Amino acid sequence: MAPFEALCGRRCRSPIGWFDPAEAKLYGTDLVKVALKKVKLIQERCRIAKSRQKSYADQNAHDVSFMVGEKEEPVAIAARQDRQLRSKRLSVVKVQWRGQPVEEAT
């Protein structure tokens, strides 16, 4: 699906298809004025869609704050395990962090 079609709910038509065949033929500045009106309409709909998407994204955003000394530093390696994937060998390490018991090591 084209982006224009997703945002506006209809297929994008080329400038040739903007006008009905029954309309009088437009020449010169009239054609430009009508095309500019259509472009402004498209821009406005894109602006509305962008605003709607931003409002949805802003609902999930929140500020994160930390206190001095809150950063957890690694203290010790609690466990180590090697895993064999298809063509790779992967080391998995369990780390104990400062201020956390061994049971909560990640």
PDB file of N, CA and C in Angstrom:
ATOM      1  N   MET A   1       0.856  -1.175   0.000  1.00  0.00           N
ATOM      2  CA  MET A   1       0.000   0.000   0.000  1.00  0.00           C
ATOM      3  C   MET A   1       0.902   1.238   0.000  1.00  0.00           C
ATOM      4  N   ALA A   2       0.595   2.184  -0.849  1.00  0.00           N
ATOM      5  CA  ALA A   2       1.380   3.403  -0.957  1.00  0.00           C
ATOM      6  C   ALA A   2       1.145   4.287   0.270  1.00  0.00           C
ATOM      7  N   PRO A   3       2.156   5.092   0.671  1.00  0.00           N
ATOM      8  CA  PRO A   3       1.982   5.958   1.840  1.00  0.00           C
ATOM      9  C   PRO A   3       0.797   6.914   1.699  1.00  0.00           C
ATOM     10  N   PHE A   4       0.628   7.475   0.511  1.00  0.00           N
ATOM     11  CA  PHE A   4      -0.490   8.396   0.306  1.00  0.00           C
ATOM     12  C   PHE A   4      -1.817   7.677   0.506  1.00  0.00           C
ATOM     13  N   GLU A   5      -1.891   6.473  -0.018  1.00  0.00           N
ATOM     14  CA  GLU A   5      -3.130   5.701   0.092  1.00  0.00           C
ATOM     15  C   GLU A   5      -3.400   5.339   1.555  1.00  0.00           C
ATOM     16  N   ALA A   6      -2.344   5.040   2.315  1.00  0.00           N
ATOM     17  CA  ALA A   6      -2.517   4.700   3.720  1.00  0.00           C
ATOM     18  C   ALA A   6      -2.982   5.900   4.531  1.00  0.00           C
ATOM     19  N   LEU A   7      -2.426   7.078   4.235  1.00  0.00           N
ATOM     20  CA  LEU A   7      -2.774   8.266   5.008  1.00  0.00           C
ATOM     21  C   LEU A   7      -4.131   8.839   4.630  1.00  0.00           C
ATOM     22  N   CYS A   8      -4.442   8.842   3.352  1.00  0.00           N
ATOM     23  CA  CYS A   8      -5.630   9.546   2.883  1.00  0.00           C
ATOM     24  C   CYS A   8      -6.804   8.632   2.583  1.00  0.00           C
ATOM     25  N   GLY A   9      -6.586   7.333   2.540  1.00  0.00           N
ATOM     26  CA  GLY A   9      -7.680   6.406   2.337  1.00  0.00           C
ATOM     27  C   GLY A   9      -8.104   6.228   0.896  1.00  0.00           C
ATOM     28  N   ARG A  10      -7.345   6.749  -0.044  1.00  0.00           N
ATOM     29  CA  ARG A  10      -7.678   6.542  -1.455  1.00  0.00           C
ATOM     30  C   ARG A  10      -6.383   6.554  -2.252  1.00  0.00           C
ATOM     31  N   ARG A  11      -6.465   6.046  -3.473  1.00  0.00           N
ATOM     32  CA  ARG A  11      -5.272   5.957  -4.303  1.00  0.00           C
ATOM     33  C   ARG A  11      -4.833   7.333  -4.771  1.00  0.00           C
ATOM     34  N   CYS A  12      -3.547   7.488  -4.956  1.00  0.00           N
ATOM     35  CA  CYS A  12      -2.995   8.736  -5.466  1.00  0.00           C
ATOM     36  C   CYS A  12      -3.269   8.815  -6.965  1.00  0.00           C
ATOM     37  N   ARG A  13      -3.810   9.936  -7.387  1.00  0.00           N
ATOM     38  CA  ARG A  13      -4.070  10.120  -8.817  1.00  0.00           C
ATOM     39  C   ARG A  13      -3.065  11.112  -9.375  1.00  0.00           C
ATOM     40  N   SER A  14      -2.634  10.879 -10.582  1.00  0.00           N
ATOM     41  CA  SER A  14      -1.709  11.805 -11.213  1.00  0.00           C
ATOM     42  C   SER A  14      -2.464  13.091 -11.550  1.00  0.00           C
ATOM     43  N   PRO A  15      -1.750  14.183 -11.834  1.00  0.00           N
ATOM     44  CA  PRO A  15      -2.432  15.443 -12.156  1.00  0.00           C
ATOM     45  C   PRO A  15      -3.409  15.313 -13.314  1.00  0.00           C
ATOM     46  N   ILE A  16      -3.187  14.343 -14.177  1.00  0.00           N
ATOM     47  CA  ILE A  16      -4.107  14.157 -15.300  1.00  0.00           C
ATOM     48  C   ILE A  16      -5.457  13.679 -14.789  1.00  0.00           C
ATOM     49  N   GLY A  17      -5.448  12.869 -13.743  1.00  0.00           N
ATOM     50  CA  GLY A  17      -6.693  12.319 -13.221  1.00  0.00           C
ATOM     51  C   GLY A  17      -7.380  13.185 -12.187  1.00  0.00           C
ATOM     52  N   TRP A  18      -6.860  14.382 -11.896  1.00  0.00           N
ATOM     53  CA  TRP A  18      -7.471  15.246 -10.892  1.00  0.00           C
ATOM     54  C   TRP A  18      -8.771  15.871 -11.386  1.00  0.00           C
ATOM     55  N   PHE A  19      -8.967  15.898 -12.661  1.00  0.00           N
ATOM     56  CA  PHE A  19     -10.107  16.619 -13.218  1.00  0.00           C
ATOM     57  C   PHE A  19     -11.070  15.650 -13.882  1.00  0.00           C
ATOM     58  N   ASP A  20     -12.359  15.926 -13.777  1.00  0.00           N
ATOM     59  CA  ASP A  20     -13.363  15.108 -14.445  1.00  0.00           C
ATOM     60  C   ASP A  20     -13.367  15.441 -15.931  1.00  0.00           C
ATOM     61  N   PRO A  21     -13.618  14.461 -16.790  1.00  0.00           N
ATOM     62  CA  PRO A  21     -13.645  14.745 -18.223  1.00  0.00           C
ATOM     63  C   PRO A  21     -14.761  15.716 -18.604  1.00  0.00           C
ATOM     64  N   ALA A  22     -15.806  15.763 -17.782  1.00  0.00           N
ATOM     65  CA  ALA A  22     -16.927  16.645 -18.095  1.00  0.00           C
ATOM     66  C   ALA A  22     -16.598  18.114 -17.829  1.00  0.00           C
ATOM     67  N   GLU A  23     -15.561  18.362 -17.015  1.00  0.00           N
ATOM     68  CA  GLU A  23     -15.207  19.751 -16.726  1.00  0.00           C
ATOM     69  C   GLU A  23     -14.658  20.427 -17.973  1.00  0.00           C
ATOM     70  N   ALA A  24     -14.796  21.717 -18.010  1.00  0.00           N
ATOM     71  CA  ALA A  24     -14.223  22.472 -19.120  1.00  0.00           C
ATOM     72  C   ALA A  24     -12.707  22.379 -19.041  1.00  0.00           C
ATOM     73  N   LYS A  25     -12.069  22.404 -20.176  1.00  0.00           N
ATOM     74  CA  LYS A  25     -10.623  22.307 -20.186  1.00  0.00           C
ATOM     75  C   LYS A  25     -10.024  23.562 -19.562  1.00  0.00           C
ATOM     76  N   LEU A  26      -9.035  23.330 -18.711  1.00  0.00           N
ATOM     77  CA  LEU A  26      -8.384  24.447 -18.035  1.00  0.00           C
ATOM     78  C   LEU A  26      -7.033  24.694 -18.699  1.00  0.00           C
ATOM     79  N   TYR A  27      -6.727  25.931 -18.903  1.00  0.00           N
ATOM     80  CA  TYR A  27      -5.462  26.288 -19.519  1.00  0.00           C
ATOM     81  C   TYR A  27      -4.755  27.322 -18.661  1.00  0.00           C
ATOM     82  N   GLY A  28      -3.441  27.323 -18.764  1.00  0.00           N
ATOM     83  CA  GLY A  28      -2.634  28.374 -18.161  1.00  0.00           C
ATOM     84  C   GLY A  28      -2.699  28.408 -16.651  1.00  0.00           C
ATOM     85  N   THR A  29      -2.993  29.599 -16.117  1.00  0.00           N
ATOM     86  CA  THR A  29      -2.945  29.804 -14.672  1.00  0.00           C
ATOM     87  C   THR A  29      -4.055  29.061 -13.948  1.00  0.00           C
ATOM     88  N   ASP A  30      -5.178  28.804 -14.629  1.00  0.00           N
ATOM     89  CA  ASP A  30      -6.254  28.066 -13.964  1.00  0.00           C
ATOM     90  C   ASP A  30      -5.797  26.653 -13.605  1.00  0.00           C
ATOM     91  N   LEU A  31      -5.095  26.019 -14.507  1.00  0.00           N
ATOM     92  CA  LEU A  31      -4.588  24.674 -14.252  1.00  0.00           C
ATOM     93  C   LEU A  31      -3.611  24.683 -13.079  1.00  0.00           C
ATOM     94  N   VAL A  32      -2.759  25.679 -13.032  1.00  0.00           N
ATOM     95  CA  VAL A  32      -1.783  25.793 -11.950  1.00  0.00           C
ATOM     96  C   VAL A  32      -2.491  26.045 -10.622  1.00  0.00           C
ATOM     97  N   LYS A  33      -3.497  26.913 -10.614  1.00  0.00           N
ATOM     98  CA  LYS A  33      -4.226  27.224  -9.381  1.00  0.00           C
ATOM     99  C   LYS A  33      -4.926  25.984  -8.833  1.00  0.00           C
ATOM    100  N   VAL A  34      -5.557  25.233  -9.693  1.00  0.00           N
ATOM    101  CA  VAL A  34      -6.268  24.024  -9.252  1.00  0.00           C
ATOM    102  C   VAL A  34      -5.264  22.999  -8.726  1.00  0.00           C
ATOM    103  N   ALA A  35      -4.145  22.856  -9.427  1.00  0.00           N
ATOM    104  CA  ALA A  35      -3.130  21.902  -8.977  1.00  0.00           C
ATOM    105  C   ALA A  35      -2.559  22.306  -7.624  1.00  0.00           C
ATOM    106  N   LEU A  36      -2.337  23.603  -7.428  1.00  0.00           N
ATOM    107  CA  LEU A  36      -1.823  24.080  -6.138  1.00  0.00           C
ATOM    108  C   LEU A  36      -2.830  23.848  -5.011  1.00  0.00           C
ATOM    109  N   LYS A  37      -4.120  24.013  -5.299  1.00  0.00           N
ATOM    110  CA  LYS A  37      -5.146  23.726  -4.294  1.00  0.00           C
ATOM    111  C   LYS A  37      -5.117  22.261  -3.885  1.00  0.00           C
ATOM    112  N   LYS A  38      -4.958  21.382  -4.881  1.00  0.00           N
ATOM    113  CA  LYS A  38      -4.898  19.950  -4.587  1.00  0.00           C
ATOM    114  C   LYS A  38      -3.650  19.621  -3.760  1.00  0.00           C
ATOM    115  N   VAL A  39      -2.528  20.245  -4.095  1.00  0.00           N
ATOM    116  CA  VAL A  39      -1.294  20.005  -3.347  1.00  0.00           C
ATOM    117  C   VAL A  39      -1.452  20.482  -1.908  1.00  0.00           C
ATOM    118  N   LYS A  40      -2.064  21.637  -1.715  1.00  0.00           N
ATOM    119  CA  LYS A  40      -2.302  22.161  -0.357  1.00  0.00           C
ATOM    120  C   LYS A  40      -3.193  21.211   0.434  1.00  0.00           C
ATOM    121  N   LEU A  41      -4.212  20.654  -0.215  1.00  0.00           N
ATOM    122  CA  LEU A  41      -5.108  19.708   0.443  1.00  0.00           C
ATOM    123  C   LEU A  41      -4.334  18.455   0.877  1.00  0.00           C
ATOM    124  N   ILE A  42      -3.482  17.955   0.000  1.00  0.00           N
ATOM    125  CA  ILE A  42      -2.677  16.782   0.327  1.00  0.00           C
ATOM    126  C   ILE A  42      -1.728  17.093   1.481  1.00  0.00           C
ATOM    127  N   GLN A  43      -1.082  18.258   1.449  1.00  0.00           N
ATOM    128  CA  GLN A  43      -0.174  18.637   2.522  1.00  0.00           C
ATOM    129  C   GLN A  43      -0.907  18.750   3.853  1.00  0.00           C
ATOM    130  N   GLU A  44      -2.092  19.304   3.836  1.00  0.00           N
ATOM    131  CA  GLU A  44      -2.879  19.457   5.063  1.00  0.00           C
ATOM    132  C   GLU A  44      -3.258  18.088   5.635  1.00  0.00           C
ATOM    133  N   ARG A  45      -3.649  17.162   4.767  1.00  0.00           N
ATOM    134  CA  ARG A  45      -4.001  15.820   5.247  1.00  0.00           C
ATOM    135  C   ARG A  45      -2.789  15.096   5.803  1.00  0.00           C
ATOM    136  N   CYS A  46      -1.632  15.283   5.181  1.00  0.00           N
ATOM    137  CA  CYS A  46      -0.405  14.682   5.706  1.00  0.00           C
ATOM    138  C   CYS A  46      -0.034  15.292   7.053  1.00  0.00           C
ATOM    139  N   ARG A  47      -0.222  16.598   7.197  1.00  0.00           N
ATOM    140  CA  ARG A  47       0.061  17.286   8.455  1.00  0.00           C
ATOM    141  C   ARG A  47      -0.855  16.767   9.565  1.00  0.00           C
ATOM    142  N   ILE A  48      -2.134  16.560   9.248  1.00  0.00           N
ATOM    143  CA  ILE A  48      -3.082  16.032  10.225  1.00  0.00           C
ATOM    144  C   ILE A  48      -2.687  14.618  10.641  1.00  0.00           C
ATOM    145  N   ALA A  49      -2.309  13.783   9.672  1.00  0.00           N
ATOM    146  CA  ALA A  49      -1.910  12.410   9.978  1.00  0.00           C
ATOM    147  C   ALA A  49      -0.651  12.395  10.846  1.00  0.00           C
ATOM    148  N   LYS A  50       0.305  13.271  10.539  1.00  0.00           N
ATOM    149  CA  LYS A  50       1.530  13.342  11.319  1.00  0.00           C
ATOM    150  C   LYS A  50       1.234  13.780  12.746  1.00  0.00           C
ATOM    151  N   SER A  51       0.340  14.741  12.902  1.00  0.00           N
ATOM    152  CA  SER A  51      -0.044  15.201  14.228  1.00  0.00           C
ATOM    153  C   SER A  51      -0.713  14.082  15.026  1.00  0.00           C
ATOM    154  N   ARG A  52      -1.559  13.312  14.355  1.00  0.00           N
ATOM    155  CA  ARG A  52      -2.247  12.199  15.017  1.00  0.00           C
ATOM    156  C   ARG A  52      -1.229  11.153  15.472  1.00  0.00           C
ATOM    157  N   GLN A  53      -0.266  10.819  14.605  1.00  0.00           N
ATOM    158  CA  GLN A  53       0.751   9.835  14.957  1.00  0.00           C
ATOM    159  C   GLN A  53       1.610  10.331  16.120  1.00  0.00           C
ATOM    160  N   LYS A  54       1.926  11.640  16.124  1.00  0.00           N
ATOM    161  CA  LYS A  54       2.733  12.208  17.202  1.00  0.00           C
ATOM    162  C   LYS A  54       1.991  12.156  18.522  1.00  0.00           C
ATOM    163  N   SER A  55       0.694  12.421  18.508  1.00  0.00           N
ATOM    164  CA  SER A  55      -0.063  12.384  19.757  1.00  0.00           C
ATOM    165  C   SER A  55      -0.115  10.971  20.321  1.00  0.00           C
ATOM    166  N   TYR A  56      -0.217   9.957  19.456  1.00  0.00           N
ATOM    167  CA  TYR A  56      -0.193   8.576  19.931  1.00  0.00           C
ATOM    168  C   TYR A  56       1.180   8.230  20.515  1.00  0.00           C
ATOM    169  N   ALA A  57       2.256   8.683  19.868  1.00  0.00           N
ATOM    170  CA  ALA A  57       3.601   8.392  20.356  1.00  0.00           C
ATOM    171  C   ALA A  57       3.878   9.123  21.667  1.00  0.00           C
ATOM    172  N   ASP A  58       3.357  10.340  21.814  1.00  0.00           N
ATOM    173  CA  ASP A  58       3.593  11.114  23.027  1.00  0.00           C
ATOM    174  C   ASP A  58       2.904  10.506  24.241  1.00  0.00           C
ATOM    175  N   GLN A  59       1.830   9.757  24.036  1.00  0.00           N
ATOM    176  CA  GLN A  59       1.137   9.127  25.155  1.00  0.00           C
ATOM    177  C   GLN A  59       2.023   8.084  25.830  1.00  0.00           C
ATOM    178  N   ASN A  60       2.894   7.429  25.066  1.00  0.00           N
ATOM    179  CA  ASN A  60       3.742   6.374  25.605  1.00  0.00           C
ATOM    180  C   ASN A  60       5.091   6.881  26.096  1.00  0.00           C
ATOM    181  N   ALA A  61       5.408   8.127  25.842  1.00  0.00           N
ATOM    182  CA  ALA A  61       6.700   8.679  26.238  1.00  0.00           C
ATOM    183  C   ALA A  61       6.648   9.152  27.686  1.00  0.00           C
ATOM    184  N   HIS A  62       7.734   8.965  28.401  1.00  0.00           N
ATOM    185  CA  HIS A  62       7.830   9.461  29.766  1.00  0.00           C
ATOM    186  C   HIS A  62       9.287   9.779  30.078  1.00  0.00           C
ATOM    187  N   ASP A  63       9.476  10.694  31.012  1.00  0.00           N
ATOM    188  CA  ASP A  63      10.818  11.101  31.393  1.00  0.00           C
ATOM    189  C   ASP A  63      11.406  10.087  32.362  1.00  0.00           C
ATOM    190  N   VAL A  64      12.681   9.854  32.235  1.00  0.00           N
ATOM    191  CA  VAL A  64      13.391   8.955  33.125  1.00  0.00           C
ATOM    192  C   VAL A  64      14.356   9.793  33.937  1.00  0.00           C
ATOM    193  N   SER A  65      14.332   9.609  35.241  1.00  0.00           N
ATOM    194  CA  SER A  65      15.249  10.362  36.090  1.00  0.00           C
ATOM    195  C   SER A  65      16.009   9.388  36.990  1.00  0.00           C
ATOM    196  N   PHE A  66      17.245   9.741  37.273  1.00  0.00           N
ATOM    197  CA  PHE A  66      18.096   8.925  38.111  1.00  0.00           C
ATOM    198  C   PHE A  66      18.647   9.763  39.247  1.00  0.00           C
ATOM    199  N   MET A  67      18.975   9.102  40.327  1.00  0.00           N
ATOM    200  CA  MET A  67      19.585   9.779  41.468  1.00  0.00           C
ATOM    201  C   MET A  67      21.089   9.520  41.438  1.00  0.00           C
ATOM    202  N   VAL A  68      21.837  10.338  42.174  1.00  0.00           N
ATOM    203  CA  VAL A  68      23.289  10.183  42.237  1.00  0.00           C
ATOM    204  C   VAL A  68      23.604   8.847  42.899  1.00  0.00           C
ATOM    205  N   GLY A  69      24.490   8.071  42.298  1.00  0.00           N
ATOM    206  CA  GLY A  69      24.885   6.778  42.846  1.00  0.00           C
ATOM    207  C   GLY A  69      23.941   5.651  42.494  1.00  0.00           C
ATOM    208  N   GLU A  70      22.932   5.883  41.683  1.00  0.00           N
ATOM    209  CA  GLU A  70      21.955   4.869  41.338  1.00  0.00           C
ATOM    210  C   GLU A  70      22.464   3.926  40.253  1.00  0.00           C
ATOM    211  N   LYS A  71      23.498   4.269  39.582  1.00  0.00           N
ATOM    212  CA  LYS A  71      24.039   3.441  38.512  1.00  0.00           C
ATOM    213  C   LYS A  71      24.594   2.155  39.118  1.00  0.00           C
ATOM    214  N   GLU A  72      24.125   0.869  38.652  1.00  0.00           N
ATOM    215  CA  GLU A  72      24.595  -0.411  39.151  1.00  0.00           C
ATOM    216  C   GLU A  72      25.818  -0.839  38.376  1.00  0.00           C
ATOM    217  N   GLU A  73      26.891  -1.088  39.069  1.00  0.00           N
ATOM    218  CA  GLU A  73      28.150  -1.495  38.439  1.00  0.00           C
ATOM    219  C   GLU A  73      28.334  -2.995  38.650  1.00  0.00           C
ATOM    220  N   PRO A  74      28.974  -3.702  37.711  1.00  0.00           N
ATOM    221  CA  PRO A  74      29.184  -5.144  37.889  1.00  0.00           C
ATOM    222  C   PRO A  74      30.177  -5.425  39.015  1.00  0.00           C
ATOM    223  N   VAL A  75      29.848  -6.441  39.826  1.00  0.00           N
ATOM    224  CA  VAL A  75      30.700  -6.815  40.944  1.00  0.00           C
ATOM    225  C   VAL A  75      31.445  -8.110  40.629  1.00  0.00           C
ATOM    226  N   ALA A  76      30.679  -9.097  40.145  1.00  0.00           N
ATOM    227  CA  ALA A  76      31.298 -10.394  39.883  1.00  0.00           C
ATOM    228  C   ALA A  76      30.518 -11.119  38.800  1.00  0.00           C
ATOM    229  N   ILE A  77      31.161 -12.088  38.193  1.00  0.00           N
ATOM    230  CA  ILE A  77      30.483 -12.949  37.220  1.00  0.00           C
ATOM    231  C   ILE A  77      29.966 -14.158  37.991  1.00  0.00           C
ATOM    232  N   ALA A  78      28.636 -14.301  38.028  1.00  0.00           N
ATOM    233  CA  ALA A  78      28.022 -15.376  38.809  1.00  0.00           C
ATOM    234  C   ALA A  78      28.049 -16.705  38.064  1.00  0.00           C
ATOM    235  N   ALA A  79      27.913 -16.687  36.765  1.00  0.00           N
ATOM    236  CA  ALA A  79      27.909 -17.926  35.992  1.00  0.00           C
ATOM    237  C   ALA A  79      28.300 -17.628  34.553  1.00  0.00           C
ATOM    238  N   ARG A  80      28.824 -18.648  33.881  1.00  0.00           N
ATOM    239  CA  ARG A  80      29.193 -18.510  32.464  1.00  0.00           C
ATOM    240  C   ARG A  80      28.795 -19.791  31.750  1.00  0.00           C
ATOM    241  N   GLN A  81      28.230 -19.628  30.566  1.00  0.00           N
ATOM    242  CA  GLN A  81      27.782 -20.790  29.798  1.00  0.00           C
ATOM    243  C   GLN A  81      28.042 -20.517  28.323  1.00  0.00           C
ATOM    244  N   ASP A  82      28.545 -21.522  27.619  1.00  0.00           N
ATOM    245  CA  ASP A  82      28.754 -21.410  26.179  1.00  0.00           C
ATOM    246  C   ASP A  82      27.631 -22.152  25.467  1.00  0.00           C
ATOM    247  N   ARG A  83      27.019 -21.480  24.509  1.00  0.00           N
ATOM    248  CA  ARG A  83      25.953 -22.093  23.729  1.00  0.00           C
ATOM    249  C   ARG A  83      26.391 -22.181  22.280  1.00  0.00           C
ATOM    250  N   GLN A  84      26.065 -23.301  21.663  1.00  0.00           N
ATOM    251  CA  GLN A  84      26.417 -23.503  20.270  1.00  0.00           C
ATOM    252  C   GLN A  84      25.183 -23.253  19.409  1.00  0.00           C
ATOM    253  N   LEU A  85      25.245 -22.222  18.586  1.00  0.00           N
ATOM    254  CA  LEU A  85      24.210 -21.987  17.604  1.00  0.00           C
ATOM    255  C   LEU A  85      24.638 -22.717  16.334  1.00  0.00           C
ATOM    256  N   ARG A  86      23.930 -22.553  15.255  1.00  0.00           N
ATOM    257  CA  ARG A  86      24.251 -23.304  14.035  1.00  0.00           C
ATOM    258  C   ARG A  86      25.712 -23.171  13.628  1.00  0.00           C
ATOM    259  N   SER A  87      26.149 -21.948  13.452  1.00  0.00           N
ATOM    260  CA  SER A  87      27.531 -21.764  13.011  1.00  0.00           C
ATOM    261  C   SER A  87      28.314 -20.861  13.957  1.00  0.00           C
ATOM    262  N   LYS A  88      27.721 -20.518  15.111  1.00  0.00           N
ATOM    263  CA  LYS A  88      28.378 -19.609  16.042  1.00  0.00           C
ATOM    264  C   LYS A  88      28.431 -20.222  17.425  1.00  0.00           C
ATOM    265  N   ARG A  89      29.412 -19.792  18.185  1.00  0.00           N
ATOM    266  CA  ARG A  89      29.505 -20.153  19.587  1.00  0.00           C
ATOM    267  C   ARG A  89      29.220 -18.875  20.380  1.00  0.00           C
ATOM    268  N   LEU A  90      28.253 -18.928  21.287  1.00  0.00           N
ATOM    269  CA  LEU A  90      27.791 -17.754  22.019  1.00  0.00           C
ATOM    270  C   LEU A  90      28.058 -17.948  23.500  1.00  0.00           C
ATOM    271  N   SER A  91      28.698 -16.958  24.123  1.00  0.00           N
ATOM    272  CA  SER A  91      28.956 -17.016  25.560  1.00  0.00           C
ATOM    273  C   SER A  91      27.865 -16.253  26.289  1.00  0.00           C
ATOM    274  N   VAL A  92      27.225 -16.891  27.248  1.00  0.00           N
ATOM    275  CA  VAL A  92      26.197 -16.262  28.072  1.00  0.00           C
ATOM    276  C   VAL A  92      26.786 -16.086  29.456  1.00  0.00           C
ATOM    277  N   VAL A  93      26.760 -14.850  29.954  1.00  0.00           N
ATOM    278  CA  VAL A  93      27.397 -14.534  31.229  1.00  0.00           C
ATOM    279  C   VAL A  93      26.347 -13.972  32.180  1.00  0.00           C
ATOM    280  N   LYS A  94      26.323 -14.468  33.412  1.00  0.00           N
ATOM    281  CA  LYS A  94      25.420 -13.969  34.443  1.00  0.00           C
ATOM    282  C   LYS A  94      26.229 -13.067  35.359  1.00  0.00           C
ATOM    283  N   VAL A  95      25.836 -11.797  35.486  1.00  0.00           N
ATOM    284  CA  VAL A  95      26.611 -10.797  36.210  1.00  0.00           C
ATOM    285  C   VAL A  95      25.870 -10.382  37.469  1.00  0.00           C
ATOM    286  N   GLN A  96      26.609 -10.316  38.583  1.00  0.00           N
ATOM    287  CA  GLN A  96      26.040  -9.778  39.819  1.00  0.00           C
ATOM    288  C   GLN A  96      26.366  -8.291  39.854  1.00  0.00           C
ATOM    289  N   TRP A  97      25.346  -7.472  40.083  1.00  0.00           N
ATOM    290  CA  TRP A  97      25.495  -6.025  40.073  1.00  0.00           C
ATOM    291  C   TRP A  97      25.627  -5.504  41.503  1.00  0.00           C
ATOM    292  N   ARG A  98      26.280  -4.377  41.648  1.00  0.00           N
ATOM    293  CA  ARG A  98      26.460  -3.774  42.954  1.00  0.00           C
ATOM    294  C   ARG A  98      25.108  -3.403  43.543  1.00  0.00           C
ATOM    295  N   GLY A  99      24.893  -3.745  44.796  1.00  0.00           N
ATOM    296  CA  GLY A  99      23.635  -3.408  45.483  1.00  0.00           C
ATOM    297  C   GLY A  99      22.537  -4.411  45.266  1.00  0.00           C
ATOM    298  N   GLN A 100      22.792  -5.488  44.524  1.00  0.00           N
ATOM    299  CA  GLN A 100      21.785  -6.514  44.260  1.00  0.00           C
ATOM    300  C   GLN A 100      22.264  -7.848  44.813  1.00  0.00           C
ATOM    301  N   PRO A 101      21.368  -8.664  45.363  1.00  0.00           N
ATOM    302  CA  PRO A 101      21.779  -9.998  45.817  1.00  0.00           C
ATOM    303  C   PRO A 101      22.097 -10.909  44.634  1.00  0.00           C
ATOM    304  N   VAL A 102      22.752 -12.020  44.903  1.00  0.00           N
ATOM    305  CA  VAL A 102      23.157 -12.968  43.858  1.00  0.00           C
ATOM    306  C   VAL A 102      21.952 -13.518  43.131  1.00  0.00           C
ATOM    307  N   GLU A 103      20.817 -13.673  43.833  1.00  0.00           N
ATOM    308  CA  GLU A 103      19.612 -14.227  43.212  1.00  0.00           C
ATOM    309  C   GLU A 103      19.065 -13.345  42.088  1.00  0.00           C
ATOM    310  N   GLU A 104      19.372 -12.060  42.153  1.00  0.00           N
ATOM    311  CA  GLU A 104      18.853 -11.124  41.140  1.00  0.00           C
ATOM    312  C   GLU A 104      19.877 -10.795  40.069  1.00  0.00           C
ATOM    313  N   ALA A 105      20.911 -11.615  39.948  1.00  0.00           N
ATOM    314  CA  ALA A 105      21.931 -11.394  38.927  1.00  0.00           C
ATOM    315  C   ALA A 105      21.303 -11.607  37.545  1.00  0.00           C
ATOM    316  N   THR A 106      21.786 -10.846  36.587  1.00  0.00           N
ATOM    317  CA  THR A 106      21.258 -10.950  35.221  1.00  0.00           C
ATOM    318  C   THR A 106      22.363 -11.273  34.244  1.00  0.00           C
TER     319      THR A 106
END
